[in-house]
């Protein structure tokens, strides 16, 4: 299990990857993509 800061870093990197792949997607659609990948994220963290 990863420490909290490592999880946050991995989450931020994946979010940046998705945002660069899909530049027109906002935070709501990016959250849906993350959820489909199995990453649960609180809406306030985005």
PDB file of N, CA and C in Angstrom:
ATOM      1  N   UNK A   1       0.843  -1.182   0.000  1.00  0.00           N
ATOM      2  CA  UNK A   1       0.000   0.000   0.000  1.00  0.00           C
ATOM      3  C   UNK A   1       0.887   1.243   0.000  1.00  0.00           C
ATOM      4  N   UNK A   2       0.554   2.190  -0.852  1.00  0.00           N
ATOM      5  CA  UNK A   2       1.359   3.403  -0.974  1.00  0.00           C
ATOM      6  C   UNK A   2       1.051   4.397   0.137  1.00  0.00           C
ATOM      7  N   UNK A   3       2.044   5.160   0.586  1.00  0.00           N
ATOM      8  CA  UNK A   3       1.775   6.228   1.543  1.00  0.00           C
ATOM      9  C   UNK A   3       0.877   7.287   0.903  1.00  0.00           C
ATOM     10  N   UNK A   4       0.270   8.096   1.730  1.00  0.00           N
ATOM     11  CA  UNK A   4      -0.704   9.085   1.253  1.00  0.00           C
ATOM     12  C   UNK A   4      -0.098  10.040   0.233  1.00  0.00           C
ATOM     13  N   UNK A   5       1.104  10.555   0.484  1.00  0.00           N
ATOM     14  CA  UNK A   5       1.694  11.511  -0.452  1.00  0.00           C
ATOM     15  C   UNK A   5       2.023  10.856  -1.790  1.00  0.00           C
ATOM     16  N   UNK A   6       2.369   9.585  -1.773  1.00  0.00           N
ATOM     17  CA  UNK A   6       2.649   8.872  -3.023  1.00  0.00           C
ATOM     18  C   UNK A   6       1.358   8.652  -3.808  1.00  0.00           C
ATOM     19  N   UNK A   7       0.269   8.368  -3.100  1.00  0.00           N
ATOM     20  CA  UNK A   7      -1.024   8.214  -3.761  1.00  0.00           C
ATOM     21  C   UNK A   7      -1.453   9.528  -4.403  1.00  0.00           C
ATOM     22  N   UNK A   8      -1.280  10.619  -3.675  1.00  0.00           N
ATOM     23  CA  UNK A   8      -1.656  11.925  -4.210  1.00  0.00           C
ATOM     24  C   UNK A   8      -0.814  12.270  -5.427  1.00  0.00           C
ATOM     25  N   UNK A   9       0.459  11.951  -5.374  1.00  0.00           N
ATOM     26  CA  UNK A   9       1.350  12.238  -6.499  1.00  0.00           C
ATOM     27  C   UNK A   9       0.953  11.412  -7.720  1.00  0.00           C
ATOM     28  N   UNK A  10       0.661  10.132  -7.508  1.00  0.00           N
ATOM     29  CA  UNK A  10       0.249   9.263  -8.613  1.00  0.00           C
ATOM     30  C   UNK A  10      -1.081   9.735  -9.197  1.00  0.00           C
ATOM     31  N   UNK A  11      -1.988  10.144  -8.328  1.00  0.00           N
ATOM     32  CA  UNK A  11      -3.278  10.661  -8.782  1.00  0.00           C
ATOM     33  C   UNK A  11      -3.094  11.925  -9.610  1.00  0.00           C
ATOM     34  N   UNK A  12      -2.255  12.830  -9.153  1.00  0.00           N
ATOM     35  CA  UNK A  12      -2.022  14.089  -9.865  1.00  0.00           C
ATOM     36  C   UNK A  12      -1.382  13.834 -11.229  1.00  0.00           C
ATOM     37  N   UNK A  13      -0.455  12.899 -11.294  1.00  0.00           N
ATOM     38  CA  UNK A  13       0.182  12.567 -12.570  1.00  0.00           C
ATOM     39  C   UNK A  13      -0.832  11.992 -13.551  1.00  0.00           C
ATOM     40  N   UNK A  14      -1.682  11.086 -13.075  1.00  0.00           N
ATOM     41  CA  UNK A  14      -2.694  10.487 -13.955  1.00  0.00           C
ATOM     42  C   UNK A  14      -3.697  11.540 -14.415  1.00  0.00           C
ATOM     43  N   UNK A  15      -4.064  12.447 -13.533  1.00  0.00           N
ATOM     44  CA  UNK A  15      -4.996  13.512 -13.891  1.00  0.00           C
ATOM     45  C   UNK A  15      -4.392  14.405 -14.970  1.00  0.00           C
ATOM     46  N   UNK A  16      -3.111  14.716 -14.844  1.00  0.00           N
ATOM     47  CA  UNK A  16      -2.438  15.526 -15.872  1.00  0.00           C
ATOM     48  C   UNK A  16      -2.381  14.799 -17.210  1.00  0.00           C
ATOM     49  N   UNK A  17      -2.115  13.496 -17.165  1.00  0.00           N
ATOM     50  CA  UNK A  17      -2.079  12.708 -18.404  1.00  0.00           C
ATOM     51  C   UNK A  17      -3.429  12.752 -19.113  1.00  0.00           C
ATOM     52  N   UNK A  18      -4.493  12.531 -18.355  1.00  0.00           N
ATOM     53  CA  UNK A  18      -5.825  12.563 -18.950  1.00  0.00           C
ATOM     54  C   UNK A  18      -6.157  13.953 -19.488  1.00  0.00           C
ATOM     55  N   UNK A  19      -5.769  14.983 -18.755  1.00  0.00           N
ATOM     56  CA  UNK A  19      -6.067  16.352 -19.174  1.00  0.00           C
ATOM     57  C   UNK A  19      -5.324  16.719 -20.455  1.00  0.00           C
ATOM     58  N   UNK A  20      -4.110  16.202 -20.632  1.00  0.00           N
ATOM     59  CA  UNK A  20      -3.384  16.506 -21.867  1.00  0.00           C
ATOM     60  C   UNK A  20      -3.916  15.688 -23.040  1.00  0.00           C
ATOM     61  N   UNK A  21      -4.395  14.471 -22.758  1.00  0.00           N
ATOM     62  CA  UNK A  21      -4.983  13.658 -23.821  1.00  0.00           C
ATOM     63  C   UNK A  21      -6.309  14.243 -24.292  1.00  0.00           C
ATOM     64  N   UNK A  22      -7.091  14.712 -23.357  1.00  0.00           N
ATOM     65  CA  UNK A  22      -8.434  15.221 -23.657  1.00  0.00           C
ATOM     66  C   UNK A  22      -8.535  16.661 -23.164  1.00  0.00           C
ATOM     67  N   UNK A  23      -7.998  17.556 -23.967  1.00  0.00           N
ATOM     68  CA  UNK A  23      -7.871  18.946 -23.560  1.00  0.00           C
ATOM     69  C   UNK A  23      -9.207  19.649 -23.358  1.00  0.00           C
ATOM     70  N   UNK A  24     -10.246  19.195 -24.007  1.00  0.00           N
ATOM     71  CA  UNK A  24     -11.530  19.875 -23.902  1.00  0.00           C
ATOM     72  C   UNK A  24     -12.385  19.360 -22.740  1.00  0.00           C
ATOM     73  N   UNK A  25     -11.914  18.350 -22.052  1.00  0.00           N
ATOM     74  CA  UNK A  25     -12.662  17.800 -20.924  1.00  0.00           C
ATOM     75  C   UNK A  25     -12.436  18.659 -19.687  1.00  0.00           C
ATOM     76  N   UNK A  26     -13.491  18.900 -18.954  1.00  0.00           N
ATOM     77  CA  UNK A  26     -13.389  19.616 -17.694  1.00  0.00           C
ATOM     78  C   UNK A  26     -13.182  18.643 -16.545  1.00  0.00           C
ATOM     79  N   UNK A  27     -13.213  19.186 -15.345  1.00  0.00           N
ATOM     80  CA  UNK A  27     -12.939  18.339 -14.177  1.00  0.00           C
ATOM     81  C   UNK A  27     -14.010  17.284 -13.971  1.00  0.00           C
ATOM     82  N   UNK A  28     -15.248  17.571 -14.353  1.00  0.00           N
ATOM     83  CA  UNK A  28     -16.310  16.582 -14.163  1.00  0.00           C
ATOM     84  C   UNK A  28     -16.104  15.366 -15.062  1.00  0.00           C
ATOM     85  N   UNK A  29     -15.781  15.610 -16.307  1.00  0.00           N
ATOM     86  CA  UNK A  29     -15.579  14.500 -17.236  1.00  0.00           C
ATOM     87  C   UNK A  29     -14.296  13.744 -16.917  1.00  0.00           C
ATOM     88  N   UNK A  30     -13.273  14.447 -16.462  1.00  0.00           N
ATOM     89  CA  UNK A  30     -12.038  13.769 -16.062  1.00  0.00           C
ATOM     90  C   UNK A  30     -12.296  12.867 -14.860  1.00  0.00           C
ATOM     91  N   UNK A  31     -13.138  13.312 -13.947  1.00  0.00           N
ATOM     92  CA  UNK A  31     -13.478  12.487 -12.783  1.00  0.00           C
ATOM     93  C   UNK A  31     -14.193  11.215 -13.218  1.00  0.00           C
ATOM     94  N   UNK A  32     -15.060  11.325 -14.215  1.00  0.00           N
ATOM     95  CA  UNK A  32     -15.753  10.145 -14.730  1.00  0.00           C
ATOM     96  C   UNK A  32     -14.749   9.159 -15.320  1.00  0.00           C
ATOM     97  N   UNK A  33     -13.778   9.672 -16.067  1.00  0.00           N
ATOM     98  CA  UNK A  33     -12.750   8.789 -16.637  1.00  0.00           C
ATOM     99  C   UNK A  33     -11.953   8.090 -15.544  1.00  0.00           C
ATOM    100  N   UNK A  34     -11.601   8.824 -14.499  1.00  0.00           N
ATOM    101  CA  UNK A  34     -10.862   8.216 -13.392  1.00  0.00           C
ATOM    102  C   UNK A  34     -11.697   7.147 -12.696  1.00  0.00           C
ATOM    103  N   UNK A  35     -12.992   7.417 -12.534  1.00  0.00           N
ATOM    104  CA  UNK A  35     -13.873   6.450 -11.897  1.00  0.00           C
ATOM    105  C   UNK A  35     -13.955   5.176 -12.726  1.00  0.00           C
ATOM    106  N   UNK A  36     -13.995   5.313 -14.035  1.00  0.00           N
ATOM    107  CA  UNK A  36     -14.029   4.138 -14.911  1.00  0.00           C
ATOM    108  C   UNK A  36     -12.751   3.317 -14.806  1.00  0.00           C
ATOM    109  N   UNK A  37     -11.646   3.975 -14.473  1.00  0.00           N
ATOM    110  CA  UNK A  37     -10.373   3.268 -14.292  1.00  0.00           C
ATOM    111  C   UNK A  37     -10.270   2.633 -12.912  1.00  0.00           C
ATOM    112  N   UNK A  38     -11.248   2.892 -12.062  1.00  0.00           N
ATOM    113  CA  UNK A  38     -11.242   2.306 -10.734  1.00  0.00           C
ATOM    114  C   UNK A  38     -10.656   3.202  -9.661  1.00  0.00           C
ATOM    115  N   UNK A  39     -10.411   4.464  -9.998  1.00  0.00           N
ATOM    116  CA  UNK A  39      -9.862   5.416  -9.034  1.00  0.00           C
ATOM    117  C   UNK A  39     -11.013   6.243  -8.490  1.00  0.00           C
ATOM    118  N   UNK A  40     -11.327   6.070  -7.215  1.00  0.00           N
ATOM    119  CA  UNK A  40     -12.395   6.847  -6.613  1.00  0.00           C
ATOM    120  C   UNK A  40     -11.814   8.142  -6.072  1.00  0.00           C
ATOM    121  N   UNK A  41     -12.426   9.256  -6.473  1.00  0.00           N
ATOM    122  CA  UNK A  41     -11.941  10.567  -6.065  1.00  0.00           C
ATOM    123  C   UNK A  41     -13.110  11.393  -5.567  1.00  0.00           C
ATOM    124  N   UNK A  42     -12.930  12.006  -4.427  1.00  0.00           N
ATOM    125  CA  UNK A  42     -13.920  12.933  -3.916  1.00  0.00           C
ATOM    126  C   UNK A  42     -13.976  14.139  -4.842  1.00  0.00           C
ATOM    127  N   UNK A  43     -15.166  14.657  -5.089  1.00  0.00           N
ATOM    128  CA  UNK A  43     -15.301  15.774  -6.028  1.00  0.00           C
ATOM    129  C   UNK A  43     -14.577  17.021  -5.550  1.00  0.00           C
ATOM    130  N   UNK A  44     -14.360  17.152  -4.248  1.00  0.00           N
ATOM    131  CA  UNK A  44     -13.666  18.333  -3.726  1.00  0.00           C
ATOM    132  C   UNK A  44     -12.153  18.243  -3.919  1.00  0.00           C
ATOM    133  N   UNK A  45     -11.637  17.047  -4.114  1.00  0.00           N
ATOM    134  CA  UNK A  45     -10.196  16.903  -4.322  1.00  0.00           C
ATOM    135  C   UNK A  45      -9.788  17.386  -5.712  1.00  0.00           C
ATOM    136  N   UNK A  46     -10.710  17.288  -6.668  1.00  0.00           N
ATOM    137  CA  UNK A  46     -10.413  17.763  -8.011  1.00  0.00           C
ATOM    138  C   UNK A  46     -10.463  19.254  -7.982  1.00  0.00           C
TER     139      UNK A  46
END
